[in-house]
Amino acid sequence: MGYSCHALPYKDGLILLAGGRGSGALALRKSDGTVIWKNLDFRNAHSSPLLIEVDGQPQVVALLASEVIGFNPENGQMLWTHPHNTQYGLAISTPVWAPGNLLFVSSASGGGSRVLRLSQSDGKTAVKELWHNPRLQAHFGTVIRLGDYLYFSSGDNVALMTCVNLQSGEVAWQQRGFAKAQLVAVEGKLILLDEDGNLALVEPTPKELRVLAKAPILQNTSWTPPTLAGATLYLRDRKNLVALDLAAK
């Protein structure tokens, strides 16, 4: 299929953004891989699909090369679209769904960040853009929502750890100290791995980012999100896979 999105489980199927005429999205049966449905034409990107619920209606949202869309997970029927153009089609970061039917999407290469408010009535979805800031650019990294604030690594070349108010788009702070980074939320803190291989434990608040610990772990470019399974943290760069035991001794 040629793209890097993960498969999205839904009932007895897996939904994929595959690309191709008439099969931009498709659902495969988990048990045997047969096609349940295929639908839609669009220019694909690298972001992964996200299952949400808009006023009781399940939808799949997808950040594509030039737009963000919502479609029906039962059959792939398009429900709504909204422009979000990204140079070279490099939309990578997964959207964030928040209470109040708020959808945050972000990309680098000129796309910037925006928040949409969705509402649904009689099967029709209305989309209202609350704000758009072209200078806030999540490239490949995860975006973490804690309460009313979003935390992410912003920047195409030089990256700044950034805190943004979800509702207003106001930037609470930006801070240097890390290259472009991936984040994992754990008990109110963030595990941070930047592309230079630096691993850190940080405590984010709307006022500041406190670095609690930091160490160089990997030697090669790392764009893969950390994976935490129990007390074991898995990290990967372009040459190595590392497992760290975080259990208290």
Protein backbone atom coordinates (compact mmCIF):
# COMPACT_ATOMS: atom_id res chain seq x y z
CA MET A 1 0.00 0.00 0.00
CA GLY A 2 3.04 2.23 0.24
CA TYR A 3 2.05 4.49 3.15
CA SER A 4 3.00 4.53 6.81
CA CYS A 5 -0.36 4.84 8.61
CA HIS A 6 -1.36 2.23 11.16
CA ALA A 7 -4.43 0.05 10.67
CA LEU A 8 -7.45 1.29 12.63
CA PRO A 9 -9.50 -1.50 14.29
CA TYR A 10 -13.28 -1.16 13.89
CA LYS A 11 -15.65 -4.00 14.78
CA ASP A 12 -14.44 -7.07 12.83
CA GLY A 13 -12.33 -5.03 10.39
CA LEU A 14 -9.20 -2.94 10.00
CA ILE A 15 -9.50 0.44 8.25
CA LEU A 16 -6.56 1.61 6.16
CA LEU A 17 -5.75 4.72 4.15
CA ALA A 18 -4.50 2.90 1.10
CA GLY A 19 -4.70 5.34 -1.82
CA GLY A 20 -5.72 4.46 -5.35
CA ARG A 21 -8.75 5.22 -7.49
CA GLY A 22 -11.91 4.28 -5.65
CA SER A 23 -9.97 2.75 -2.77
CA GLY A 24 -8.47 5.72 -0.94
CA ALA A 25 -9.78 4.08 2.22
CA LEU A 26 -10.66 0.44 2.68
CA ALA A 27 -11.63 -2.00 5.40
CA LEU A 28 -10.19 -5.53 5.62
CA ARG A 29 -11.67 -8.34 7.68
CA LYS A 30 -9.38 -9.19 10.60
CA SER A 31 -9.88 -12.93 10.31
CA ASP A 32 -8.94 -13.49 6.68
CA GLY A 33 -7.97 -10.15 5.06
CA THR A 34 -10.93 -10.02 2.67
CA VAL A 35 -12.15 -6.59 1.63
CA ILE A 36 -15.27 -5.47 3.53
CA TRP A 37 -15.54 -2.20 1.61
CA LYS A 38 -13.39 0.25 -0.35
CA ASN A 39 -14.27 3.81 -1.20
CA LEU A 40 -13.08 7.40 -1.82
CA ASP A 41 -10.56 9.15 -4.04
CA PHE A 42 -7.98 11.42 -2.43
CA ARG A 43 -4.29 12.28 -2.39
CA ASN A 44 -2.96 10.27 0.52
CA ALA A 45 -0.42 11.30 3.16
CA HIS A 46 1.33 9.57 6.07
CA SER A 47 -0.95 10.46 8.98
CA SER A 48 -2.92 7.67 10.65
CA PRO A 49 -6.75 7.57 10.78
CA LEU A 50 -8.55 8.28 14.04
CA LEU A 51 -11.93 6.99 15.21
CA ILE A 52 -14.12 9.65 16.83
CA GLU A 53 -17.79 10.11 17.74
CA VAL A 54 -19.61 13.28 16.70
CA ASP A 55 -22.87 13.71 18.60
CA GLY A 56 -23.40 9.95 18.66
CA GLN A 57 -22.22 9.25 15.12
CA PRO A 58 -18.97 7.23 14.67
CA GLN A 59 -16.61 8.80 12.16
CA VAL A 60 -13.06 8.22 10.95
CA VAL A 61 -11.01 11.38 10.50
CA ALA A 62 -7.93 11.48 8.32
CA LEU A 63 -5.34 14.18 7.69
CA LEU A 64 -4.44 14.02 4.01
CA ALA A 65 -2.08 15.86 1.68
CA SER A 66 -4.34 18.86 1.13
CA GLU A 67 -7.37 18.39 3.40
CA VAL A 68 -8.74 16.78 6.51
CA ILE A 69 -11.77 14.54 6.03
CA GLY A 70 -14.34 12.54 7.95
CA PHE A 71 -15.95 9.36 6.64
CA ASN A 72 -18.32 6.63 7.77
CA PRO A 73 -16.43 3.61 9.18
CA GLU A 74 -19.26 1.28 8.07
CA ASN A 75 -18.86 1.91 4.33
CA GLY A 76 -16.29 4.67 3.67
CA GLN A 77 -18.91 7.24 2.69
CA MET A 78 -17.53 10.79 2.81
CA LEU A 79 -19.17 12.88 5.53
CA TRP A 80 -17.20 16.14 5.35
CA THR A 81 -13.98 17.78 4.15
CA HIS A 82 -12.00 20.86 5.19
CA PRO A 83 -8.92 22.34 3.46
CA HIS A 84 -5.51 21.79 5.07
CA ASN A 85 -2.84 22.09 2.42
CA THR A 86 0.65 20.74 3.14
CA GLN A 87 3.58 21.30 0.79
CA TYR A 88 4.79 18.02 -0.74
CA GLY A 89 1.84 16.28 0.94
CA LEU A 90 3.89 15.60 4.08
CA ALA A 91 1.05 15.42 6.60
CA ILE A 92 2.35 12.94 9.19
CA SER A 93 1.18 13.72 12.73
CA THR A 94 -2.07 12.03 13.86
CA PRO A 95 -5.05 14.32 14.61
CA VAL A 96 -6.16 14.89 18.22
CA TRP A 97 -9.82 14.62 19.31
CA ALA A 98 -10.92 16.58 22.38
CA PRO A 99 -14.10 17.16 24.44
CA GLY A 100 -16.51 19.65 22.90
CA ASN A 101 -16.15 17.97 19.47
CA LEU A 102 -12.82 19.72 18.85
CA LEU A 103 -10.42 18.32 16.28
CA PHE A 104 -6.78 19.46 16.17
CA VAL A 105 -4.66 18.83 13.08
CA SER A 106 -1.12 19.94 12.35
CA SER A 107 1.60 19.51 9.75
CA ALA A 108 4.91 21.09 8.81
CA SER A 109 5.92 22.30 5.34
CA GLY A 110 3.57 25.27 5.55
CA GLY A 111 0.46 23.46 6.76
CA GLY A 112 0.45 24.80 10.29
CA SER A 113 -2.11 23.94 12.96
CA ARG A 114 -5.87 24.38 13.14
CA VAL A 115 -8.79 23.41 15.37
CA LEU A 116 -12.18 22.47 13.94
CA ARG A 117 -15.44 22.14 15.84
CA LEU A 118 -17.70 19.41 14.47
CA SER A 119 -21.43 19.00 14.99
CA GLN A 120 -23.85 16.50 13.52
CA SER A 121 -27.58 16.51 12.87
CA ASP A 122 -29.68 14.18 10.70
CA GLY A 123 -26.53 12.55 9.32
CA LYS A 124 -24.98 15.85 8.19
CA THR A 125 -21.78 17.16 9.77
CA ALA A 126 -21.11 20.87 10.11
CA VAL A 127 -17.47 22.02 10.37
CA LYS A 128 -16.43 25.34 11.91
CA GLU A 129 -12.80 26.44 12.05
CA LEU A 130 -11.97 28.01 15.43
CA TRP A 131 -8.40 29.01 14.63
CA HIS A 132 -5.45 28.46 12.32
CA ASN A 133 -1.78 29.29 12.94
CA PRO A 134 0.65 28.55 10.08
CA ARG A 135 3.66 28.97 12.40
CA LEU A 136 2.72 26.05 14.67
CA GLN A 137 3.95 23.01 12.76
CA ALA A 138 4.03 19.45 14.10
CA HIS A 139 6.17 17.52 11.62
CA PHE A 140 6.25 13.80 12.44
CA GLY A 141 5.84 14.02 16.22
CA THR A 142 2.95 13.08 18.45
CA VAL A 143 0.74 15.84 19.89
CA ILE A 144 -0.37 15.32 23.50
CA ARG A 145 -3.46 16.92 25.04
CA LEU A 146 -3.51 17.42 28.79
CA GLY A 147 -6.64 19.28 29.84
CA ASP A 148 -7.13 22.42 27.78
CA TYR A 149 -3.56 22.48 26.45
CA LEU A 150 -1.65 20.80 23.66
CA TYR A 151 2.04 19.91 23.94
CA PHE A 152 4.19 19.13 20.92
CA SER A 153 7.44 19.72 19.11
CA SER A 154 6.87 22.54 16.62
CA GLY A 155 9.10 23.39 13.68
CA ASP A 156 10.26 22.13 10.32
CA ASN A 157 13.99 22.72 10.78
CA VAL A 158 14.58 24.26 14.20
CA ALA A 159 12.15 22.70 16.69
CA LEU A 160 10.67 24.26 19.81
CA MET A 161 8.74 22.42 22.48
CA THR A 162 5.40 24.21 22.45
CA CYS A 163 2.31 24.60 24.62
CA VAL A 164 -0.89 25.88 22.98
CA ASN A 165 -4.35 26.55 24.35
CA LEU A 166 -6.66 24.19 22.46
CA GLN A 167 -9.69 26.49 22.40
CA SER A 168 -8.06 29.82 21.56
CA GLY A 169 -4.83 28.87 19.77
CA GLU A 170 -2.87 31.12 22.13
CA VAL A 171 0.75 30.01 22.55
CA ALA A 172 1.43 29.62 26.29
CA TRP A 173 5.18 29.06 25.82
CA GLN A 174 7.88 27.75 23.51
CA GLN A 175 11.16 26.30 24.75
CA ARG A 176 14.47 25.25 23.21
CA GLY A 177 16.59 22.33 24.33
CA PHE A 178 15.47 19.43 22.12
CA ALA A 179 15.51 18.56 18.45
CA LYS A 180 12.24 17.49 16.81
CA ALA A 181 10.66 15.03 19.21
CA GLN A 182 8.10 12.32 19.84
CA LEU A 183 6.08 12.30 23.08
CA VAL A 184 4.32 9.71 25.22
CA ALA A 185 2.08 10.76 28.12
CA VAL A 186 2.53 8.90 31.43
CA GLU A 187 0.75 9.95 34.64
CA GLY A 188 0.82 13.68 33.89
CA LYS A 189 4.40 13.63 32.63
CA LEU A 190 5.86 13.14 29.17
CA ILE A 191 8.49 10.73 27.94
CA LEU A 192 10.33 12.62 25.20
CA LEU A 193 12.61 11.19 22.52
CA ASP A 194 14.11 13.64 20.06
CA GLU A 195 15.49 12.82 16.62
CA ASP A 196 19.08 13.11 17.91
CA GLY A 197 18.46 10.22 20.30
CA ASN A 198 18.06 12.21 23.52
CA LEU A 199 15.61 10.66 25.97
CA ALA A 200 14.00 12.80 28.66
CA LEU A 201 11.32 12.78 31.30
CA VAL A 202 9.57 16.15 31.38
CA GLU A 203 6.72 17.68 33.36
CA PRO A 204 4.57 20.01 31.26
CA THR A 205 2.31 22.72 32.65
CA PRO A 206 0.66 25.72 30.97
CA LYS A 207 3.40 27.85 32.58
CA GLU A 208 6.57 25.89 31.82
CA LEU A 209 8.26 22.66 30.77
CA ARG A 210 10.34 21.17 33.59
CA VAL A 211 13.05 18.74 32.49
CA LEU A 212 13.30 16.11 35.24
CA ALA A 213 15.91 13.87 33.59
CA LYS A 214 17.73 13.73 30.26
CA ALA A 215 20.26 11.34 28.72
CA PRO A 216 21.66 10.54 25.24
CA ILE A 217 20.47 7.00 24.43
CA LEU A 218 20.45 6.53 20.66
CA GLN A 219 23.13 7.47 18.13
CA ASN A 220 21.19 7.55 14.85
CA THR A 221 18.23 9.55 13.59
CA SER A 222 15.12 8.52 15.52
CA TRP A 223 11.63 9.37 14.28
CA THR A 224 9.82 6.39 15.82
CA PRO A 225 7.58 7.09 18.83
CA PRO A 226 8.66 5.41 22.09
CA THR A 227 6.53 2.46 23.19
CA LEU A 228 5.87 1.87 26.89
CA ALA A 229 4.68 -1.64 27.84
CA GLY A 230 4.36 -2.01 31.59
CA ALA A 231 7.71 -0.85 32.95
CA THR A 232 9.62 -1.51 29.73
CA LEU A 233 10.33 1.36 27.34
CA TYR A 234 11.18 0.48 23.74
CA LEU A 235 13.12 2.95 21.59
CA ARG A 236 14.23 2.66 17.97
CA ASP A 237 16.46 4.64 15.66
CA ARG A 238 17.36 3.81 12.07
CA LYS A 239 19.81 1.08 13.10
CA ASN A 240 19.01 -0.15 16.60
CA LEU A 241 16.18 -1.25 18.87
CA VAL A 242 16.61 -0.66 22.61
CA ALA A 243 14.56 -1.89 25.57
CA LEU A 244 14.91 -0.04 28.90
CA ASP A 245 13.66 -1.37 32.25
CA LEU A 246 12.06 1.54 34.10
CA ALA A 247 10.95 -0.47 37.13
CA ALA A 248 12.00 0.93 40.49
CA LYS A 249 14.82 -1.10 42.05
